[in-house]
C-alpha atoms as a PDB file:
ATOM      1  CA  LEU A   1       0.000   0.000   0.000  1.00  0.00           C
ATOM      2  CA  PHE A   2       1.039   3.564  -0.611  1.00  0.00           C
ATOM      3  CA  PRO A   3       0.809   5.771   2.504  1.00  0.00           C
ATOM      4  CA  ASP A   4      -0.425   8.793   0.551  1.00  0.00           C
ATOM      5  CA  ASP A   5      -3.086   6.784  -1.335  1.00  0.00           C
ATOM      6  CA  PRO A   6      -4.455   3.676   0.440  1.00  0.00           C
ATOM      7  CA  ASN A   7      -6.382   2.663  -2.707  1.00  0.00           C
ATOM      8  CA  LYS A   8      -3.243   2.508  -4.848  1.00  0.00           C
ATOM      9  CA  ARG A   9      -1.620  -0.902  -5.180  1.00  0.00           C
ATOM     10  CA  GLY A  10       1.645  -2.046  -6.708  1.00  0.00           C
ATOM     11  CA  ARG A  11       5.351  -1.851  -6.151  1.00  0.00           C
ATOM     12  CA  ASN A  12       6.323   0.573  -3.404  1.00  0.00           C
ATOM     13  CA  PRO A  13      10.078   0.185  -2.897  1.00  0.00           C
ATOM     14  CA  ILE A  14      11.937   1.908  -0.099  1.00  0.00           C
ATOM     15  CA  LEU A  15      15.292   1.232   1.548  1.00  0.00           C
ATOM     16  CA  LEU A  16      15.657   1.566   5.303  1.00  0.00           C
ATOM     17  CA  THR A  17      18.798   1.162   7.397  1.00  0.00           C
ATOM     18  CA  LEU A  18      18.973   0.698  11.153  1.00  0.00           C
ATOM     19  CA  ASN A  19      21.266  -0.517  13.873  1.00  0.00           C
ATOM     20  CA  ALA A  20      21.198  -4.169  14.897  1.00  0.00           C
ATOM     21  CA  ASP A  21      19.130  -3.265  17.966  1.00  0.00           C
ATOM     22  CA  GLY A  22      16.517  -1.497  15.816  1.00  0.00           C
ATOM     23  CA  SER A  23      17.595   2.021  16.763  1.00  0.00           C
ATOM     24  CA  ASP A  24      18.541   4.861  14.415  1.00  0.00           C
ATOM     25  CA  MET A  25      16.184   3.833  11.613  1.00  0.00           C
ATOM     26  CA  ARG A  26      16.692   5.928   8.505  1.00  0.00           C
ATOM     27  CA  VAL A  27      15.132   6.166   5.076  1.00  0.00           C
ATOM     28  CA  THR A  28      18.189   5.620   2.901  1.00  0.00           C
ATOM     29  CA  VAL A  29      16.419   5.584  -0.466  1.00  0.00           C
ATOM     30  CA  THR A  30      12.918   6.995  -0.734  1.00  0.00           C
ATOM     31  CA  ARG A  31      10.265   5.398  -2.902  1.00  0.00           C
ATOM     32  CA  GLU A  32      10.361   8.519  -5.069  1.00  0.00           C
ATOM     33  CA  TYR A  33      14.021   7.883  -5.912  1.00  0.00           C
ATOM     34  CA  TRP A  34      13.825   4.106  -6.095  1.00  0.00           C
ATOM     35  CA  GLY A  35      10.555   4.261  -8.014  1.00  0.00           C
ATOM     36  CA  TYR A  36      12.296   5.582 -11.128  1.00  0.00           C
ATOM     37  CA  GLY A  37      14.034   2.229 -11.350  1.00  0.00           C
ATOM     38  CA  GLY A  38      16.451   0.540  -9.024  1.00  0.00           C
ATOM     39  CA  ASN A  39      17.410  -2.765  -7.531  1.00  0.00           C
ATOM     40  CA  HIS A  40      19.819  -4.918  -5.583  1.00  0.00           C
ATOM     41  CA  PRO A  41      21.128  -2.762  -2.756  1.00  0.00           C
ATOM     42  CA  ASN A  42      24.244  -4.196  -1.098  1.00  0.00           C
ATOM     43  CA  TRP A  43      26.364  -2.893   1.715  1.00  0.00           C
ATOM     44  CA  HIS A  44      29.657  -1.351   0.678  1.00  0.00           C
ATOM     45  CA  PRO A  45      32.575  -2.973   2.576  1.00  0.00           C
ATOM     46  CA  ASP A  46      33.046   0.322   4.473  1.00  0.00           C
ATOM     47  CA  GLY A  47      29.772  -0.290   6.358  1.00  0.00           C
ATOM     48  CA  GLU A  48      28.709   3.318   5.745  1.00  0.00           C
ATOM     49  CA  HIS A  49      27.431   3.154   2.185  1.00  0.00           C
ATOM     50  CA  ILE A  50      25.180   1.039   0.028  1.00  0.00           C
ATOM     51  CA  ILE A  51      25.757   0.334  -3.646  1.00  0.00           C
ATOM     52  CA  MET A  52      22.867  -0.410  -5.962  1.00  0.00           C
ATOM     53  CA  ASN A  53      21.388   0.131  -9.389  1.00  0.00           C
ATOM     54  CA  MET A  54      19.306   3.238  -9.703  1.00  0.00           C
ATOM     55  CA  THR A  55      17.864   5.404 -12.462  1.00  0.00           C
ATOM     56  CA  PRO A  56      18.627   8.951 -11.271  1.00  0.00           C
ATOM     57  CA  VAL A  57      15.943  10.813 -13.228  1.00  0.00           C
ATOM     58  CA  TRP A  58      16.010  13.621 -10.650  1.00  0.00           C
ATOM     59  CA  MET A  59      19.652  14.235 -11.693  1.00  0.00           C
ATOM     60  CA  GLY A  60      18.678  14.414 -15.359  1.00  0.00           C
ATOM     61  CA  ASP A  61      19.766  10.851 -16.224  1.00  0.00           C
ATOM     62  CA  ALA A  62      17.218   8.356 -17.573  1.00  0.00           C
ATOM     63  CA  ASN A  63      19.667   5.406 -17.634  1.00  0.00           C
ATOM     64  CA  ARG A  64      20.208   2.797 -14.960  1.00  0.00           C
ATOM     65  CA  ARG A  65      23.470   3.536 -13.122  1.00  0.00           C
ATOM     66  CA  PHE A  66      25.638   2.043 -10.433  1.00  0.00           C
ATOM     67  CA  VAL A  67      25.316   4.346  -7.443  1.00  0.00           C
ATOM     68  CA  LYS A  68      26.724   4.671  -3.939  1.00  0.00           C
ATOM     69  CA  VAL A  69      24.367   5.941  -1.248  1.00  0.00           C
ATOM     70  CA  HIS A  70      25.322   6.967   2.288  1.00  0.00           C
ATOM     71  CA  HIS A  71      23.269   4.929   4.777  1.00  0.00           C
ATOM     72  CA  SER A  72      21.745   8.167   6.108  1.00  0.00           C
ATOM     73  CA  GLY A  73      20.299   8.897   2.667  1.00  0.00           C
ATOM     74  CA  ASP A  74      22.089  12.252   2.622  1.00  0.00           C
ATOM     75  CA  HIS A  75      24.212  11.646  -0.463  1.00  0.00           C
ATOM     76  CA  ILE A  76      23.785   9.664  -3.692  1.00  0.00           C
ATOM     77  CA  GLU A  77      26.791   9.392  -6.008  1.00  0.00           C
ATOM     78  CA  ILE A  78      26.788   8.000  -9.545  1.00  0.00           C
ATOM     79  CA  LEU A  79      29.848   5.734  -9.746  1.00  0.00           C
ATOM     80  CA  THR A  80      30.217   5.912 -13.538  1.00  0.00           C
ATOM     81  CA  GLU A  81      28.284   7.762 -16.204  1.00  0.00           C
ATOM     82  CA  LYS A  82      30.081   5.880 -18.964  1.00  0.00           C
ATOM     83  CA  TYR A  83      28.678   2.395 -18.234  1.00  0.00           C
ATOM     84  CA  LEU A  84      25.118   1.277 -17.566  1.00  0.00           C
ATOM     85  CA  GLY A  85      24.183  -0.268 -14.252  1.00  0.00           C
ATOM     86  CA  SER A  86      23.048  -3.879 -14.328  1.00  0.00           C
ATOM     87  CA  GLY A  87      22.188  -6.913 -12.265  1.00  0.00           C
ATOM     88  CA  HIS A  88      23.975  -7.647  -9.003  1.00  0.00           C
ATOM     89  CA  MET A  89      27.104  -5.780  -8.041  1.00  0.00           C
ATOM     90  CA  ARG A  90      29.863  -5.847  -5.439  1.00  0.00           C
ATOM     91  CA  ILE A  91      32.614  -3.323  -4.856  1.00  0.00           C
ATOM     92  CA  THR A  92      36.119  -3.362  -3.357  1.00  0.00           C
ATOM     93  CA  PRO A  93      36.750  -1.550  -0.039  1.00  0.00           C
ATOM     94  CA  ASP A  94      38.599   1.287  -1.792  1.00  0.00           C
ATOM     95  CA  SER A  95      35.675   1.734  -4.248  1.00  0.00           C
ATOM     96  CA  ARG A  96      37.987   1.279  -7.202  1.00  0.00           C
ATOM     97  CA  TYR A  97      36.704  -2.000  -8.663  1.00  0.00           C
ATOM     98  CA  LEU A  98      33.118  -3.049  -9.130  1.00  0.00           C
ATOM     99  CA  ILE A  99      32.093  -6.479 -10.360  1.00  0.00           C
ATOM    100  CA  ALA A 100      28.620  -6.984 -11.821  1.00  0.00           C
ATOM    101  CA  ASP A 101      26.496  -9.402 -13.772  1.00  0.00           C
ATOM    102  CA  CYS A 102      23.344  -8.616 -15.710  1.00  0.00           C
ATOM    103  CA  TYR A 103      20.003 -10.174 -16.425  1.00  0.00           C
ATOM    104  CA  ALA A 104      19.437 -12.228 -19.549  1.00  0.00           C
ATOM    105  CA  ARG A 105      17.311  -9.462 -21.085  1.00  0.00           C
ATOM    106  CA  GLU A 106      19.516  -6.409 -20.472  1.00  0.00           C
ATOM    107  CA  PRO A 107      21.208  -4.535 -23.346  1.00  0.00           C
ATOM    108  CA  MET A 108      24.678  -5.954 -22.690  1.00  0.00           C
ATOM    109  CA  THR A 109      23.599  -9.612 -22.928  1.00  0.00           C
ATOM    110  CA  TYR A 110      24.229 -11.948 -25.832  1.00  0.00           C
ATOM    111  CA  PRO A 111      21.548 -13.552 -28.024  1.00  0.00           C
ATOM    112  CA  ASN A 112      22.751 -17.055 -27.101  1.00  0.00           C
ATOM    113  CA  GLY A 113      21.626 -16.742 -23.445  1.00  0.00           C
ATOM    114  CA  GLU A 114      25.026 -15.712 -22.108  1.00  0.00           C
ATOM    115  CA  VAL A 115      25.669 -12.683 -19.919  1.00  0.00           C
ATOM    116  CA  PRO A 116      28.938 -10.932 -19.197  1.00  0.00           C
ATOM    117  CA  ILE A 117      30.641 -10.814 -15.834  1.00  0.00           C
ATOM    118  CA  ARG A 118      31.719  -7.175 -15.882  1.00  0.00           C
ATOM    119  CA  LEU A 119      34.723  -5.701 -14.074  1.00  0.00           C
ATOM    120  CA  LEU A 120      34.670  -1.923 -13.865  1.00  0.00           C
ATOM    121  CA  ASP A 121      37.728   0.078 -12.858  1.00  0.00           C
ATOM    122  CA  LEU A 122      35.910   3.118 -11.485  1.00  0.00           C
ATOM    123  CA  GLU A 123      39.113   5.127 -11.098  1.00  0.00           C
ATOM    124  CA  ALA A 124      40.084   4.727 -14.774  1.00  0.00           C
ATOM    125  CA  ASP A 125      36.408   4.604 -15.864  1.00  0.00           C
ATOM    126  CA  HIS A 126      37.133   1.459 -17.841  1.00  0.00           C
ATOM    127  CA  GLU A 127      35.264  -1.830 -18.191  1.00  0.00           C
ATOM    128  CA  VAL A 128      36.633  -5.308 -18.888  1.00  0.00           C
ATOM    129  CA  GLU A 129      34.466  -8.308 -19.600  1.00  0.00           C
ATOM    130  CA  VAL A 130      35.878 -11.038 -17.375  1.00  0.00           C
ATOM    131  CA  CYS A 131      33.916 -13.748 -19.156  1.00  0.00           C
ATOM    132  CA  GLN A 132      30.562 -14.686 -20.632  1.00  0.00           C
ATOM    133  CA  ILE A 133      28.455 -17.302 -18.922  1.00  0.00           C
ATOM    134  CA  PHE A 134      25.249 -19.028 -19.980  1.00  0.00           C
ATOM    135  CA  VAL A 135      22.389 -18.355 -17.550  1.00  0.00           C
ATOM    136  CA  ASP A 136      19.101 -18.531 -19.402  1.00  0.00           C
ATOM    137  CA  LEU A 137      17.882 -22.069 -18.717  1.00  0.00           C
ATOM    138  CA  TYR A 138      14.275 -20.885 -19.071  1.00  0.00           C
ATOM    139  CA  GLU A 139      14.842 -19.847 -22.681  1.00  0.00           C
ATOM    140  CA  TYR A 140      16.629 -23.119 -23.282  1.00  0.00           C
ATOM    141  CA  THR A 141      14.089 -25.449 -21.668  1.00  0.00           C
ATOM    142  CA  ARG A 142      10.855 -23.406 -21.861  1.00  0.00           C
ATOM    143  CA  VAL A 143       9.833 -25.366 -18.768  1.00  0.00           C
ATOM    144  CA  ASN A 144       9.869 -23.054 -15.801  1.00  0.00           C
ATOM    145  CA  ALA A 145      10.955 -19.462 -15.190  1.00  0.00           C
ATOM    146  CA  VAL A 146      12.531 -20.486 -11.868  1.00  0.00           C
ATOM    147  CA  LEU A 147      15.254 -22.110 -13.929  1.00  0.00           C
ATOM    148  CA  ARG A 148      16.720 -18.670 -14.541  1.00  0.00           C
ATOM    149  CA  VAL A 149      20.195 -18.424 -13.063  1.00  0.00           C
ATOM    150  CA  ASP A 150      21.537 -15.114 -11.795  1.00  0.00           C
ATOM    151  CA  PRO A 151      25.347 -15.090 -11.599  1.00  0.00           C
ATOM    152  CA  HIS A 152      25.446 -13.034  -8.338  1.00  0.00           C
ATOM    153  CA  PRO A 153      29.202 -12.321  -8.474  1.00  0.00           C
ATOM    154  CA  GLU A 154      30.936 -12.080  -5.118  1.00  0.00           C
ATOM    155  CA  TRP A 155      34.500 -11.089  -4.248  1.00  0.00           C
ATOM    156  CA  SER A 156      36.822 -13.408  -2.336  1.00  0.00           C
ATOM    157  CA  ARG A 157      38.043 -12.118   1.028  1.00  0.00           C
ATOM    158  CA  ASP A 158      41.266 -10.839  -0.538  1.00  0.00           C
ATOM    159  CA  PHE A 159      39.369  -9.187  -3.445  1.00  0.00           C
ATOM    160  CA  LYS A 160      41.501 -11.033  -6.018  1.00  0.00           C
ATOM    161  CA  LYS A 161      38.967 -13.634  -7.148  1.00  0.00           C
ATOM    162  CA  VAL A 162      35.296 -13.567  -8.039  1.00  0.00           C
ATOM    163  CA  CYS A 163      32.843 -16.399  -7.492  1.00  0.00           C
ATOM    164  CA  PHE A 164      29.638 -16.550  -9.578  1.00  0.00           C
ATOM    165  CA  ASN A 165      26.880 -18.877 -10.792  1.00  0.00           C
ATOM    166  CA  GLY A 166      26.437 -20.091 -14.338  1.00  0.00           C
ATOM    167  CA  VAL A 167      25.286 -23.004 -16.452  1.00  0.00           C
ATOM    168  CA  ILE A 168      27.681 -25.440 -18.120  1.00  0.00           C
ATOM    169  CA  ASN A 169      26.362 -28.509 -19.934  1.00  0.00           C
ATOM    170  CA  ARG A 170      22.812 -27.746 -18.722  1.00  0.00           C
ATOM    171  CA  ARG A 171      23.879 -27.827 -15.081  1.00  0.00           C
ATOM    172  CA  ARG A 172      24.095 -24.998 -12.592  1.00  0.00           C
ATOM    173  CA  GLN A 173      27.684 -24.484 -11.550  1.00  0.00           C
ATOM    174  CA  VAL A 174      29.604 -22.254  -9.176  1.00  0.00           C
ATOM    175  CA  LEU A 175      32.653 -20.826 -10.913  1.00  0.00           C
ATOM    176  CA  ILE A 176      35.674 -18.838  -9.742  1.00  0.00           C
ATOM    177  CA  ALA A 177      37.609 -16.317 -11.811  1.00  0.00           C
ATOM    178  CA  ASP A 178      41.106 -15.373 -10.636  1.00  0.00           C
ATOM    179  CA  LEU A 179      41.540 -11.650 -11.345  1.00  0.00           C
ATOM    180  CA  SER A 180      44.856 -11.193  -9.513  1.00  0.00           C
ATOM    181  CA  GLU A 181      46.702 -10.482 -12.773  1.00  0.00           C
ATOM    182  CA  VAL A 182      44.081  -7.954 -13.915  1.00  0.00           C
ATOM    183  CA  LEU A 183      43.684  -5.886 -10.736  1.00  0.00           C
END
């Protein structure tokens, strides 16, 4: 339900942050901001910020972007204007490198059901495609939409490797890419 219109139904996204004991609750991203388009908030390793996809229409940008938001909601920063935001993302503690996947229907995907695992150097404003991985089992089998596989890339503890999901030989797999020579 929408607080300003109890008869209105539909998606009403909002992002709240709070301490573990429930104190200091804050609206980090309002429904007005998130409502333009956004998804997959994740804590930044610094514990102060959240990274997510957002379409910052209020800043004059109609494209989905990777953004960093202070947990208080006081500041939203576009991490790169050169590359579109997509899927699920994780960032290094120094905010230099961001790893992301994308959904099987986003502009950067391939017609064969593969999606890129994207490494963005935010300092150099440069993107490298780490690999392409097949994820669209639904398109392949036409059986059930739950067969979609999201790569969900995740950094290793030393931020030198990335673990992600994919499909090889019609089977879900967990894969690891060693990026130590690229970073």
